[in-house]
Protein backbone atom coordinates (compact mmCIF):
# COMPACT_ATOMS: atom_id res chain seq x y z
CA MET A 1 -64.64 119.86 -30.05
CA LYS A 2 -60.51 119.95 -29.41
CA TRP A 3 -60.36 116.72 -31.33
CA ARG A 4 -62.09 118.13 -34.25
CA ILE A 5 -60.04 121.16 -34.35
CA GLY A 6 -56.86 118.82 -34.26
CA VAL A 7 -58.20 116.71 -36.95
CA GLY A 8 -58.75 119.53 -39.18
CA LEU A 9 -55.45 120.96 -38.57
CA MET A 10 -53.66 117.52 -39.43
CA LEU A 11 -56.11 117.71 -42.36
CA ILE A 12 -54.83 121.15 -43.66
CA ALA A 13 -51.19 120.40 -42.63
CA LEU A 14 -51.05 117.08 -44.48
CA LEU A 15 -52.59 118.66 -47.69
CA SER A 16 -50.43 121.68 -47.29
CA ALA A 17 -46.90 119.18 -47.32
CA SER A 18 -48.46 117.02 -49.90
CA ILE A 19 -49.10 119.80 -52.48
CA THR A 20 -45.83 121.36 -51.70
CA VAL A 21 -43.99 117.91 -52.22
CA GLN A 22 -45.86 117.31 -55.39
CA ALA A 23 -44.70 120.89 -56.81
CA GLU A 24 -41.22 119.89 -56.76
CA VAL A 25 -39.72 120.65 -59.99
CA ASP A 26 -37.52 118.36 -62.40
CA PRO A 27 -35.56 120.92 -64.63
CA SER A 28 -34.90 117.96 -67.17
CA GLN A 29 -38.99 117.73 -67.39
CA MET A 30 -39.13 121.36 -68.83
CA ASP A 31 -39.75 122.44 -72.35
CA PHE A 32 -37.40 124.90 -73.58
CA ASN A 33 -37.76 123.87 -77.32
CA PRO A 34 -39.06 127.21 -78.48
CA VAL A 35 -36.24 129.23 -76.93
CA ASP A 36 -33.62 126.51 -78.58
CA GLU A 37 -35.33 127.22 -82.01
CA VAL A 38 -34.51 130.53 -81.48
CA LEU A 39 -31.01 130.15 -80.94
CA GLU A 40 -30.91 127.94 -83.97
CA GLU A 41 -32.76 130.20 -86.04
CA SER A 42 -30.60 133.55 -84.96
CA GLY A 43 -27.06 131.53 -85.39
CA ALA A 44 -26.54 132.17 -81.62
CA GLU A 45 -26.36 128.41 -81.08
CA GLU A 46 -22.77 128.13 -82.21
CA VAL A 47 -22.09 131.21 -79.93
CA MET A 48 -23.69 129.67 -77.01
CA GLU A 49 -21.81 126.49 -77.55
CA GLU A 50 -18.26 128.18 -77.59
CA GLN A 51 -19.22 130.57 -74.44
CA THR A 52 -21.15 127.74 -72.49
CA GLY A 53 -20.09 124.71 -74.01
CA SER A 54 -23.76 123.83 -74.08
CA ARG A 55 -25.77 123.75 -77.52
CA SER A 56 -29.38 123.91 -75.77
CA ILE A 57 -30.48 125.57 -72.86
CA GLY A 58 -31.60 122.29 -71.27
CA GLU A 59 -28.01 121.64 -71.08
CA LEU A 60 -26.85 124.89 -69.66
CA LEU A 61 -29.56 124.63 -66.86
CA GLU A 62 -28.17 121.05 -66.04
CA ASP A 63 -24.80 122.36 -66.09
CA LEU A 64 -25.36 125.47 -63.91
CA LEU A 65 -27.31 123.27 -61.47
CA SER A 66 -24.83 120.79 -61.20
CA GLY A 67 -22.02 123.71 -60.74
CA ALA A 68 -20.00 122.34 -63.78
CA HIS A 69 -20.43 125.73 -65.58
CA THR A 70 -19.39 128.96 -64.04
CA ALA A 71 -19.75 132.58 -65.56
CA ASP A 72 -16.17 133.88 -67.17
CA TRP A 73 -16.86 137.49 -67.91
CA LYS A 74 -13.37 137.66 -69.19
CA GLN A 75 -14.24 135.16 -71.85
CA TRP A 76 -17.28 137.30 -72.77
CA VAL A 77 -15.56 140.34 -73.06
CA ARG A 78 -12.59 138.74 -75.43
CA ALA A 79 -15.58 137.04 -77.44
CA PHE A 80 -16.62 140.61 -78.19
CA ILE A 81 -13.44 142.18 -78.95
CA ASP A 82 -12.76 139.38 -81.57
CA LEU A 83 -16.20 139.70 -83.16
CA LEU A 84 -15.85 143.67 -83.06
CA GLY A 85 -12.50 143.39 -84.86
CA GLY A 86 -13.93 140.93 -87.38
CA HIS A 87 -16.95 142.99 -88.18
CA VAL A 88 -14.70 146.05 -88.76
CA LYS A 89 -12.45 144.01 -91.00
CA GLU A 90 -15.83 143.33 -92.92
CA TYR A 91 -16.34 146.95 -93.39
CA VAL A 92 -12.79 147.97 -95.05
CA SER A 93 -14.63 147.96 -98.63
CA LEU A 94 -17.19 150.08 -97.51
CA MET A 95 -14.81 152.62 -95.84
CA ILE A 96 -12.76 152.70 -98.82
CA GLN A 97 -15.91 153.32 -101.13
CA VAL A 98 -17.11 155.99 -98.82
CA VAL A 99 -13.83 157.81 -98.57
CA ALA A 100 -13.54 158.01 -102.35
CA LEU A 101 -17.10 159.42 -102.74
CA ALA A 102 -16.40 161.89 -99.87
CA VAL A 103 -13.50 163.38 -101.88
CA LEU A 104 -15.07 163.38 -104.98
CA SER A 105 -17.97 165.24 -103.62
CA ARG A 106 -15.70 167.80 -102.25
CA PHE A 107 -14.51 168.43 -105.84
CA PHE A 108 -17.62 169.25 -107.00
CA SER A 109 -18.73 171.13 -104.02
CA GLY A 110 -15.46 173.14 -104.70
CA LEU A 111 -17.05 173.72 -108.37
CA GLU A 112 -20.39 174.69 -107.01
CA LEU A 113 -18.78 177.70 -104.94
CA ASN A 114 -16.40 178.80 -107.93
CA PHE A 115 -19.19 178.73 -110.44
CA GLY A 116 -22.61 179.25 -108.29
CA GLU A 117 -25.44 177.16 -107.78
CA GLY A 118 -27.35 175.27 -110.61
CA SER A 119 -23.81 174.74 -112.26
CA ALA A 120 -22.34 171.33 -113.45
CA GLY A 121 -20.69 171.38 -109.93
CA SER A 122 -24.01 171.46 -108.08
CA ILE A 123 -25.40 168.92 -109.98
CA GLY A 124 -22.22 166.74 -109.75
CA PHE A 125 -21.96 167.06 -105.85
CA LEU A 126 -25.95 165.82 -105.91
CA CYS A 127 -25.28 162.98 -107.83
CA VAL A 128 -22.47 161.80 -105.80
CA TYR A 129 -24.08 162.53 -102.39
CA GLY A 130 -26.87 160.63 -103.44
CA VAL A 131 -24.70 157.55 -104.18
CA LEU A 132 -22.85 157.97 -100.96
CA VAL A 133 -26.48 158.21 -99.30
CA MET A 134 -27.48 154.64 -100.93
CA LEU A 135 -24.31 153.23 -99.85
CA LEU A 136 -24.34 154.26 -96.02
CA LEU A 137 -27.99 153.62 -95.92
CA GLN A 138 -27.49 149.79 -96.86
CA SER A 139 -25.51 149.39 -93.76
CA PHE A 140 -27.79 151.40 -91.60
CA GLN A 141 -30.60 149.52 -93.02
CA LEU A 142 -29.17 146.12 -92.12
CA ALA A 143 -28.48 147.61 -88.46
CA TYR A 144 -32.10 148.42 -88.45
CA GLU A 145 -33.50 145.37 -89.66
CA GLU A 146 -31.30 143.14 -87.72
CA THR A 147 -32.24 145.50 -84.27
CA ARG A 148 -35.72 144.82 -84.79
CA GLU A 149 -35.04 140.84 -85.50
CA VAL A 150 -33.20 140.58 -82.23
CA LEU A 151 -35.82 142.54 -80.03
CA GLY A 152 -38.35 140.06 -81.41
CA ARG A 153 -36.24 137.01 -80.34
CA MET A 154 -35.38 138.59 -77.07
CA GLN A 155 -39.65 138.72 -76.63
CA THR A 156 -40.04 135.23 -77.56
CA VAL A 157 -37.19 134.21 -74.96
CA SER A 158 -38.75 136.13 -72.36
CA LEU A 159 -42.21 134.97 -72.89
CA TYR A 160 -40.54 131.03 -72.19
CA MET A 161 -38.18 132.10 -69.58
CA MET A 162 -39.89 134.27 -66.98
CA PRO A 163 -43.01 132.31 -66.54
CA ALA A 164 -40.94 129.13 -66.00
CA MET A 165 -39.14 130.92 -63.06
CA ALA A 166 -42.45 132.03 -61.83
CA ALA A 167 -43.88 128.73 -62.05
CA VAL A 168 -40.85 127.16 -59.84
CA ALA A 169 -41.11 129.98 -57.46
CA VAL A 170 -44.77 128.93 -56.75
CA ALA A 171 -43.19 125.70 -55.88
CA GLY A 172 -40.82 127.18 -53.46
CA GLY A 173 -43.68 129.04 -51.35
CA TYR A 174 -43.70 132.38 -52.91
CA ALA A 175 -47.12 132.29 -54.79
CA LEU A 176 -48.00 135.79 -54.47
CA SER A 177 -45.04 137.56 -55.30
CA SER A 178 -44.52 134.95 -58.07
CA THR A 179 -48.30 135.61 -59.78
CA LEU A 180 -47.71 139.33 -59.21
CA GLN A 181 -44.24 139.56 -60.64
CA SER A 182 -44.73 137.02 -63.52
CA GLU A 183 -47.37 138.97 -65.01
CA LEU A 184 -45.55 142.44 -64.72
CA MET A 185 -42.31 140.56 -66.03
CA THR A 186 -43.88 138.83 -68.98
CA GLY A 187 -46.42 141.53 -70.12
CA GLY A 188 -44.48 144.46 -68.96
CA PHE A 189 -41.36 143.52 -70.69
CA SER A 190 -43.26 142.22 -73.75
CA LEU A 191 -45.03 145.42 -74.03
CA LEU A 192 -41.51 147.39 -73.46
CA LEU A 193 -40.09 145.43 -76.42
CA THR A 194 -42.88 146.31 -78.80
CA VAL A 195 -42.70 149.61 -78.08
CA MET A 196 -39.04 149.67 -78.83
CA LYS A 197 -39.21 147.55 -82.10
CA GLN A 198 -42.82 149.05 -83.44
CA ILE A 199 -41.99 152.80 -82.16
CA ILE A 200 -38.53 153.51 -81.03
CA ALA A 201 -36.51 151.93 -83.70
CA THR A 202 -39.03 152.97 -86.45
CA GLY A 203 -38.78 156.52 -85.34
CA ILE A 204 -35.01 156.30 -85.29
CA LEU A 205 -35.17 155.43 -88.90
CA GLY A 206 -37.70 157.95 -89.81
CA VAL A 207 -35.61 160.93 -88.05
CA THR A 208 -32.48 159.60 -89.95
CA ILE A 209 -34.16 159.75 -93.32
CA ILE A 210 -35.40 163.29 -92.67
CA GLU A 211 -31.86 164.24 -91.70
CA ILE A 212 -30.23 162.96 -94.84
CA VAL A 213 -32.78 164.89 -96.68
CA ASN A 214 -32.19 167.97 -94.61
CA TYR A 215 -28.47 168.13 -95.34
CA ILE A 216 -28.73 168.08 -99.16
CA SER A 217 -29.27 171.61 -98.60
CA PRO A 218 -26.52 173.99 -96.79
CA ARG A 219 -29.29 175.68 -95.00
CA ALA A 220 -30.53 172.61 -93.19
CA VAL A 221 -33.83 174.02 -92.44
CA LEU A 222 -35.43 170.95 -90.76
CA SER A 223 -32.49 170.80 -88.18
CA HIS A 224 -34.53 171.76 -85.06
CA LEU A 225 -37.55 169.59 -86.16
CA THR A 226 -35.28 166.41 -86.13
CA SER A 227 -33.49 167.67 -83.20
CA LEU A 228 -36.78 167.73 -81.07
CA VAL A 229 -37.81 164.31 -82.56
CA ARG A 230 -34.76 162.63 -81.29
CA THR A 231 -35.23 164.29 -78.04
CA VAL A 232 -38.79 162.77 -77.70
CA LEU A 233 -37.37 159.40 -78.77
CA GLU A 234 -34.54 159.30 -75.96
CA LYS A 235 -36.71 160.50 -73.17
CA GLY A 236 -39.53 158.60 -74.08
CA MET A 237 -37.24 155.29 -74.21
CA LYS A 238 -35.61 156.23 -70.62
CA ALA A 239 -39.18 157.06 -69.15
CA ALA A 240 -40.36 153.71 -70.50
CA CYS A 241 -37.47 151.57 -68.91
CA GLY A 242 -37.50 153.84 -65.76
CA LEU A 243 -41.48 153.03 -65.28
CA TYR A 244 -41.00 149.28 -65.95
CA LEU A 245 -38.27 149.16 -63.23
CA PHE A 246 -39.92 151.35 -60.81
CA LEU A 247 -43.07 148.76 -61.09
CA MET A 248 -40.88 145.98 -60.53
CA GLY A 249 -39.33 147.43 -57.67
CA THR A 250 -42.71 148.39 -56.25
CA CYS A 251 -44.33 144.98 -56.67
CA SER A 252 -40.76 143.41 -55.10
CA VAL A 253 -41.72 145.33 -51.58
CA VAL A 254 -45.22 144.73 -51.14
CA ALA A 255 -45.64 141.31 -52.44
CA PRO A 256 -43.05 139.30 -50.35
CA ALA A 257 -44.40 140.48 -46.97
CA ALA A 258 -47.52 138.73 -47.71
CA ASP A 259 -45.64 135.61 -48.59
CA LYS A 260 -43.63 135.66 -45.54
CA ALA A 261 -46.92 135.88 -43.27
CA LEU A 262 -48.17 133.13 -45.47
CA TYR A 263 -45.16 130.88 -44.71
CA LYS A 264 -44.81 131.42 -41.09
CA ALA A 265 -48.43 130.42 -40.82
CA SER A 266 -47.91 127.26 -42.76
CA SER A 267 -44.77 126.44 -40.95
CA ALA A 268 -46.69 126.99 -37.51
CA VAL A 269 -49.29 124.55 -38.64
CA LEU A 270 -47.04 121.87 -40.00
CA SER A 271 -44.87 122.01 -36.77
CA SER A 272 -48.21 121.67 -34.56
CA VAL A 273 -48.96 117.92 -36.03
CA PRO A 274 -47.92 115.65 -33.42
CA VAL A 275 -44.95 113.10 -34.21
CA VAL A 276 -44.68 114.01 -38.14
CA GLY A 277 -45.04 117.74 -37.84
CA SER A 278 -40.89 118.51 -37.78
CA ALA A 279 -40.62 115.88 -40.36
CA MET A 280 -42.78 117.22 -42.77
CA SER A 281 -41.67 120.84 -41.97
CA GLY A 282 -38.23 119.90 -42.95
CA ALA A 283 -39.29 117.94 -46.21
CA VAL A 284 -41.56 121.24 -47.12
CA GLU A 285 -38.43 123.31 -46.63
CA SER A 286 -35.82 120.90 -48.61
CA VAL A 287 -38.34 121.07 -51.52
CA MET A 288 -38.35 124.97 -51.24
CA ALA A 289 -34.84 125.15 -51.16
CA GLY A 290 -34.41 123.13 -54.42
CA SER A 291 -36.84 124.86 -56.21
CA MET A 292 -35.28 128.13 -55.13
CA LEU A 293 -32.03 126.71 -56.71
CA VAL A 294 -33.85 125.74 -59.74
CA LYS A 295 -35.30 128.99 -60.12
CA ASN A 296 -32.26 130.83 -59.78
CA GLY A 297 -30.68 128.33 -62.49
CA ILE A 298 -33.32 129.36 -64.94
CA GLY A 299 -32.90 132.85 -64.33
CA ALA A 300 -29.05 132.57 -65.13
CA ALA A 301 -29.45 130.46 -68.27
CA GLY A 302 -31.99 133.16 -69.61
CA CYS A 303 -29.42 136.07 -69.21
CA MET A 304 -26.80 133.96 -70.83
CA VAL A 305 -29.03 133.01 -73.82
CA LEU A 306 -29.97 136.61 -74.15
CA LEU A 307 -26.47 137.38 -74.20
CA CYS A 308 -25.70 134.89 -76.82
CA LEU A 309 -28.40 136.41 -79.03
CA CYS A 310 -27.25 139.73 -78.41
CA LEU A 311 -23.38 139.60 -78.41
CA VAL A 312 -22.83 139.16 -82.25
CA PRO A 313 -25.62 142.17 -83.45
CA VAL A 314 -24.12 144.14 -80.68
CA ALA A 315 -20.59 143.85 -81.98
CA ARG A 316 -22.05 144.53 -85.42
CA LEU A 317 -23.47 147.56 -84.55
CA THR A 318 -20.70 148.70 -82.53
CA ALA A 319 -18.56 148.25 -85.43
CA ILE A 320 -20.88 150.39 -87.66
CA TRP A 321 -21.15 152.87 -85.35
CA LEU A 322 -17.42 153.15 -85.07
CA ILE A 323 -16.83 153.32 -88.73
CA TYR A 324 -19.45 156.21 -88.93
CA ARG A 325 -17.52 158.16 -86.30
CA LEU A 326 -14.13 157.39 -87.21
CA LEU A 327 -15.11 158.38 -91.36
CA ALA A 328 -16.53 161.69 -89.95
CA ALA A 329 -13.47 162.37 -87.92
CA PHE A 330 -10.84 161.84 -90.25
CA LEU A 331 -12.76 163.39 -93.18
CA ALA A 332 -13.84 166.52 -91.66
CA PRO A 333 -10.90 168.72 -92.74
CA VAL A 334 -10.93 167.43 -96.39
CA VAL A 335 -14.56 166.86 -97.48
CA ASP A 336 -17.73 169.12 -97.46
CA GLU A 337 -19.38 169.67 -94.24
CA ARG A 338 -22.60 168.01 -95.36
CA VAL A 339 -21.00 164.66 -95.59
CA VAL A 340 -19.28 164.91 -92.15
CA LYS A 341 -22.83 165.65 -91.01
CA LEU A 342 -24.54 162.93 -92.77
CA LEU A 343 -21.87 160.50 -91.14
CA THR A 344 -22.57 162.07 -87.66
CA VAL A 345 -26.41 161.74 -88.23
CA LEU A 346 -26.19 157.82 -88.97
CA ALA A 347 -23.44 157.36 -86.34
CA ARG A 348 -26.08 158.82 -83.79
CA SER A 349 -28.99 156.75 -85.16
CA THR A 350 -26.74 153.68 -84.80
CA ALA A 351 -25.88 154.29 -81.46
CA MET A 352 -29.82 154.87 -80.41
CA LEU A 353 -30.41 151.28 -81.85
CA LEU A 354 -27.59 149.91 -80.26
CA GLY A 355 -29.11 151.37 -77.00
CA LEU A 356 -31.92 149.38 -77.43
CA LEU A 357 -30.32 146.12 -77.62
CA VAL A 358 -28.11 146.90 -74.69
CA GLY A 359 -31.20 148.49 -72.81
CA GLY A 360 -33.30 145.33 -73.34
CA VAL A 361 -30.57 143.02 -72.07
CA ILE A 362 -29.95 145.34 -68.94
CA ILE A 363 -33.78 145.22 -68.46
CA PHE A 364 -34.19 141.59 -68.57
CA THR A 365 -31.16 141.12 -66.33
CA GLY A 366 -32.33 143.58 -63.59
CA ALA A 367 -36.21 141.94 -63.71
CA VAL A 368 -34.68 138.69 -63.53
CA GLY A 369 -32.22 140.17 -60.55
CA ILE A 370 -35.00 141.66 -58.78
CA PHE A 371 -37.23 138.65 -58.98
CA ILE A 372 -34.67 136.36 -57.86
CA MET A 373 -33.93 138.73 -54.82
CA THR A 374 -37.74 138.83 -53.75
CA THR A 375 -38.58 135.19 -54.28
CA GLY A 376 -35.71 133.84 -51.85
CA GLN A 377 -31.89 133.66 -52.71
């Protein structure tokens, strides 16, 4: 009876060892072509080459694993500042046109005050205000569309990067943690980005248009309604992000305990095998260590890809927001109050769009960090 138990344990140990050894991952065999296509379509491939020296995520992953590339955050900050300055220069003509129209609107607004409503001054102000709105809405519309496009690309990247990390973590002995967190990371993050793109971003555009129409009249009767809608959008976004991170944190506490118990049990079985037990246990640990290295490299590469995707859009939205704020500040003493409120509304809406992009990057980076910590360093 004892020899049967011994043979059974040996077969179990050999089967476990063979499965683990076969699970060793070769990074060069991973298919990241969809992510490379996203980089190429968005124009972020050039940014990636400038910042990392790699034109594809496969090259970046190999550099990270070999130690040939190290993250230099000062380089990323300098690149952002350079892009910000370049985009501000692009909008110089827009600034000049806005200033000219704002001063002209002030002239007609003065006529309206002197000659009463319904006069040529009122009609002239409305015409100039309409042209000013169309001019500013063009820049805001570009920011809105770019935000939605970038959120969609972030979703594509996450759908390929997160399962790849989970597959490698399974090979490293974290089957339960990897399975649970992979589903939450992939499905939850995709759902969060969908909410950002379809609900929050669309809501920002809608409330912006309502506020623009509201400030045509000096009475601004819809101010309380628009303020409520903005509050709901902001609180809803914070609640969605907080719920996602809470679920990730809860999952990261429960699942690793089961994985550790399973790992100890399998190690004990392997060590009990006569003669070759210690060798097999050492081989399994080596494979697990290599898998952890690949998993961490994939996570770091994914974060860098996301930074490359968002670097130019974030710089452009920051430039647009900065221009709106500067124009509102400098024109406030000399133009009609409604024009200043218009610029303030557009600045606030642009800041909310900017928050969606930055929030997406932070959530992705946080999820990757939690996953790496809970599935072995």
